Amino acid sequence: MTAYAFSGPYRGLADNMLKVSIYNLHFRISGFAGLGGIDLG
């Protein structure tokens, strides 16, 4: 993934952004599946 192309002080920031994106996506999918399409992200 492009996030891993970063190095130094930007590496941690990119990793955190990637984790947050996955986390939000997970809740959007969970919301659509479990709560009738409510977007929790």
PDB file of N, CA and C in Angstrom:
ATOM      1  N   MET A   1       0.836  -1.196   0.000  1.00  0.00           N
ATOM      2  CA  MET A   1       0.000   0.000   0.000  1.00  0.00           C
ATOM      3  C   MET A   1       0.876   1.255   0.000  1.00  0.00           C
ATOM      4  N   THR A   2       0.330   2.342  -0.456  1.00  0.00           N
ATOM      5  CA  THR A   2       1.113   3.567  -0.588  1.00  0.00           C
ATOM      6  C   THR A   2       1.560   4.100   0.759  1.00  0.00           C
ATOM      7  N   ALA A   3       0.819   3.796   1.822  1.00  0.00           N
ATOM      8  CA  ALA A   3       1.174   4.289   3.153  1.00  0.00           C
ATOM      9  C   ALA A   3       2.565   3.814   3.561  1.00  0.00           C
ATOM     10  N   TYR A   4       2.944   2.624   3.099  1.00  0.00           N
ATOM     11  CA  TYR A   4       4.220   2.052   3.504  1.00  0.00           C
ATOM     12  C   TYR A   4       5.386   2.582   2.681  1.00  0.00           C
ATOM     13  N   ALA A   5       5.100   3.458   1.734  1.00  0.00           N
ATOM     14  CA  ALA A   5       6.174   4.107   0.991  1.00  0.00           C
ATOM     15  C   ALA A   5       6.800   5.233   1.805  1.00  0.00           C
ATOM     16  N   PHE A   6       6.083   5.710   2.818  1.00  0.00           N
ATOM     17  CA  PHE A   6       6.600   6.767   3.679  1.00  0.00           C
ATOM     18  C   PHE A   6       7.641   6.217   4.634  1.00  0.00           C
ATOM     19  N   SER A   7       8.522   7.114   5.079  1.00  0.00           N
ATOM     20  CA  SER A   7       9.528   6.726   6.060  1.00  0.00           C
ATOM     21  C   SER A   7       9.714   7.852   7.062  1.00  0.00           C
ATOM     22  N   GLY A   8      10.463   7.577   8.130  1.00  0.00           N
ATOM     23  CA  GLY A   8      10.727   8.619   9.117  1.00  0.00           C
ATOM     24  C   GLY A   8       9.463   9.011   9.873  1.00  0.00           C
ATOM     25  N   PRO A   9       9.327  10.304  10.197  1.00  0.00           N
ATOM     26  CA  PRO A   9       8.217  10.762  11.042  1.00  0.00           C
ATOM     27  C   PRO A   9       6.856  10.606  10.384  1.00  0.00           C
ATOM     28  N   TYR A  10       6.831  10.469   9.053  1.00  0.00           N
ATOM     29  CA  TYR A  10       5.553  10.347   8.363  1.00  0.00           C
ATOM     30  C   TYR A  10       5.024   8.921   8.367  1.00  0.00           C
ATOM     31  N   ARG A  11       5.896   7.955   8.703  1.00  0.00           N
ATOM     32  CA  ARG A  11       5.491   6.551   8.674  1.00  0.00           C
ATOM     33  C   ARG A  11       4.370   6.290   9.675  1.00  0.00           C
ATOM     34  N   GLY A  12       4.566   6.757  10.918  1.00  0.00           N
ATOM     35  CA  GLY A  12       3.553   6.545  11.945  1.00  0.00           C
ATOM     36  C   GLY A  12       2.241   7.240  11.600  1.00  0.00           C
ATOM     37  N   LEU A  13       2.322   8.435  11.046  1.00  0.00           N
ATOM     38  CA  LEU A  13       1.124   9.179  10.675  1.00  0.00           C
ATOM     39  C   LEU A  13       0.349   8.447   9.589  1.00  0.00           C
ATOM     40  N   ALA A  14       1.066   7.960   8.584  1.00  0.00           N
ATOM     41  CA  ALA A  14       0.417   7.231   7.500  1.00  0.00           C
ATOM     42  C   ALA A  14      -0.236   5.954   8.023  1.00  0.00           C
ATOM     43  N   ASP A  15       0.459   5.247   8.914  1.00  0.00           N
ATOM     44  CA  ASP A  15      -0.098   4.022   9.478  1.00  0.00           C
ATOM     45  C   ASP A  15      -1.358   4.320  10.271  1.00  0.00           C
ATOM     46  N   ASN A  16      -1.334   5.402  11.052  1.00  0.00           N
ATOM     47  CA  ASN A  16      -2.504   5.766  11.842  1.00  0.00           C
ATOM     48  C   ASN A  16      -3.682   6.137  10.953  1.00  0.00           C
ATOM     49  N   MET A  17      -3.422   6.876   9.890  1.00  0.00           N
ATOM     50  CA  MET A  17      -4.485   7.254   8.961  1.00  0.00           C
ATOM     51  C   MET A  17      -5.082   6.016   8.310  1.00  0.00           C
ATOM     52  N   LEU A  18      -4.228   5.062   7.958  1.00  0.00           N
ATOM     53  CA  LEU A  18      -4.692   3.828   7.338  1.00  0.00           C
ATOM     54  C   LEU A  18      -5.571   3.048   8.305  1.00  0.00           C
ATOM     55  N   LYS A  19      -5.136   2.958   9.565  1.00  0.00           N
ATOM     56  CA  LYS A  19      -5.914   2.242  10.573  1.00  0.00           C
ATOM     57  C   LYS A  19      -7.262   2.908  10.803  1.00  0.00           C
ATOM     58  N   VAL A  20      -7.277   4.235  10.856  1.00  0.00           N
ATOM     59  CA  VAL A  20      -8.534   4.965  11.049  1.00  0.00           C
ATOM     60  C   VAL A  20      -9.467   4.739   9.864  1.00  0.00           C
ATOM     61  N   SER A  21      -8.913   4.729   8.657  1.00  0.00           N
ATOM     62  CA  SER A  21      -9.732   4.506   7.471  1.00  0.00           C
ATOM     63  C   SER A  21     -10.376   3.128   7.501  1.00  0.00           C
ATOM     64  N   ILE A  22      -9.593   2.110   7.865  1.00  0.00           N
ATOM     65  CA  ILE A  22     -10.119   0.750   7.953  1.00  0.00           C
ATOM     66  C   ILE A  22     -11.167   0.665   9.057  1.00  0.00           C
ATOM     67  N   TYR A  23     -10.893   1.313  10.182  1.00  0.00           N
ATOM     68  CA  TYR A  23     -11.813   1.319  11.320  1.00  0.00           C
ATOM     69  C   TYR A  23     -13.150   1.939  10.926  1.00  0.00           C
ATOM     70  N   ASN A  24     -13.106   3.087  10.250  1.00  0.00           N
ATOM     71  CA  ASN A  24     -14.329   3.750   9.811  1.00  0.00           C
ATOM     72  C   ASN A  24     -15.072   2.911   8.781  1.00  0.00           C
ATOM     73  N   LEU A  25     -14.337   2.310   7.858  1.00  0.00           N
ATOM     74  CA  LEU A  25     -14.959   1.469   6.845  1.00  0.00           C
ATOM     75  C   LEU A  25     -15.662   0.286   7.489  1.00  0.00           C
ATOM     76  N   HIS A  26     -15.038  -0.311   8.491  1.00  0.00           N
ATOM     77  CA  HIS A  26     -15.628  -1.433   9.213  1.00  0.00           C
ATOM     78  C   HIS A  26     -16.964  -1.033   9.823  1.00  0.00           C
ATOM     79  N   PHE A  27     -17.012   0.146  10.427  1.00  0.00           N
ATOM     80  CA  PHE A  27     -18.258   0.583  11.059  1.00  0.00           C
ATOM     81  C   PHE A  27     -19.312   0.950  10.033  1.00  0.00           C
ATOM     82  N   ARG A  28     -18.901   1.429   8.867  1.00  0.00           N
ATOM     83  CA  ARG A  28     -19.879   1.701   7.812  1.00  0.00           C
ATOM     84  C   ARG A  28     -20.509   0.395   7.342  1.00  0.00           C
ATOM     85  N   ILE A  29     -19.675  -0.615   7.134  1.00  0.00           N
ATOM     86  CA  ILE A  29     -20.186  -1.913   6.696  1.00  0.00           C
ATOM     87  C   ILE A  29     -21.089  -2.510   7.771  1.00  0.00           C
ATOM     88  N   SER A  30     -20.653  -2.427   9.027  1.00  0.00           N
ATOM     89  CA  SER A  30     -21.448  -2.947  10.133  1.00  0.00           C
ATOM     90  C   SER A  30     -22.774  -2.206  10.224  1.00  0.00           C
ATOM     91  N   GLY A  31     -22.741  -0.905  10.000  1.00  0.00           N
ATOM     92  CA  GLY A  31     -23.952  -0.096  10.047  1.00  0.00           C
ATOM     93  C   GLY A  31     -24.924  -0.487   8.949  1.00  0.00           C
ATOM     94  N   PHE A  32     -24.431  -0.669   7.735  1.00  0.00           N
ATOM     95  CA  PHE A  32     -25.299  -1.060   6.636  1.00  0.00           C
ATOM     96  C   PHE A  32     -25.886  -2.444   6.874  1.00  0.00           C
ATOM     97  N   ALA A  33     -25.083  -3.328   7.420  1.00  0.00           N
ATOM     98  CA  ALA A  33     -25.523  -4.706   7.601  1.00  0.00           C
ATOM     99  C   ALA A  33     -26.461  -4.849   8.795  1.00  0.00           C
ATOM    100  N   GLY A  34     -26.155  -4.148   9.886  1.00  0.00           N
ATOM    101  CA  GLY A  34     -26.861  -4.412  11.128  1.00  0.00           C
ATOM    102  C   GLY A  34     -27.890  -3.372  11.530  1.00  0.00           C
ATOM    103  N   LEU A  35     -27.809  -2.166  10.959  1.00  0.00           N
ATOM    104  CA  LEU A  35     -28.678  -1.096  11.435  1.00  0.00           C
ATOM    105  C   LEU A  35     -29.469  -0.461  10.294  1.00  0.00           C
ATOM    106  N   GLY A  36     -29.702  -1.226   9.258  1.00  0.00           N
ATOM    107  CA  GLY A  36     -30.563  -0.749   8.183  1.00  0.00           C
ATOM    108  C   GLY A  36     -29.984   0.387   7.370  1.00  0.00           C
ATOM    109  N   GLY A  37     -28.671   0.441   7.250  1.00  0.00           N
ATOM    110  CA  GLY A  37     -28.044   1.413   6.373  1.00  0.00           C
ATOM    111  C   GLY A  37     -27.605   2.688   7.060  1.00  0.00           C
ATOM    112  N   ILE A  38     -27.632   2.730   8.382  1.00  0.00           N
ATOM    113  CA  ILE A  38     -27.139   3.900   9.103  1.00  0.00           C
ATOM    114  C   ILE A  38     -25.610   3.924   9.019  1.00  0.00           C
ATOM    115  N   ASP A  39     -25.057   5.061   8.645  1.00  0.00           N
ATOM    116  CA  ASP A  39     -23.608   5.188   8.492  1.00  0.00           C
ATOM    117  C   ASP A  39     -22.998   5.643   9.813  1.00  0.00           C
ATOM    118  N   LEU A  40     -22.295   4.747  10.484  1.00  0.00           N
ATOM    119  CA  LEU A  40     -21.679   5.072  11.763  1.00  0.00           C
ATOM    120  C   LEU A  40     -20.281   5.644  11.601  1.00  0.00           C
ATOM    121  N   GLY A  41     -19.757   5.666  10.357  1.00  0.00           N
ATOM    122  CA  GLY A  41     -18.398   6.112  10.139  1.00  0.00           C
ATOM    123  C   GLY A  41     -18.272   7.616  10.237  1.00  0.00           C
TER     124      GLY A  41
END
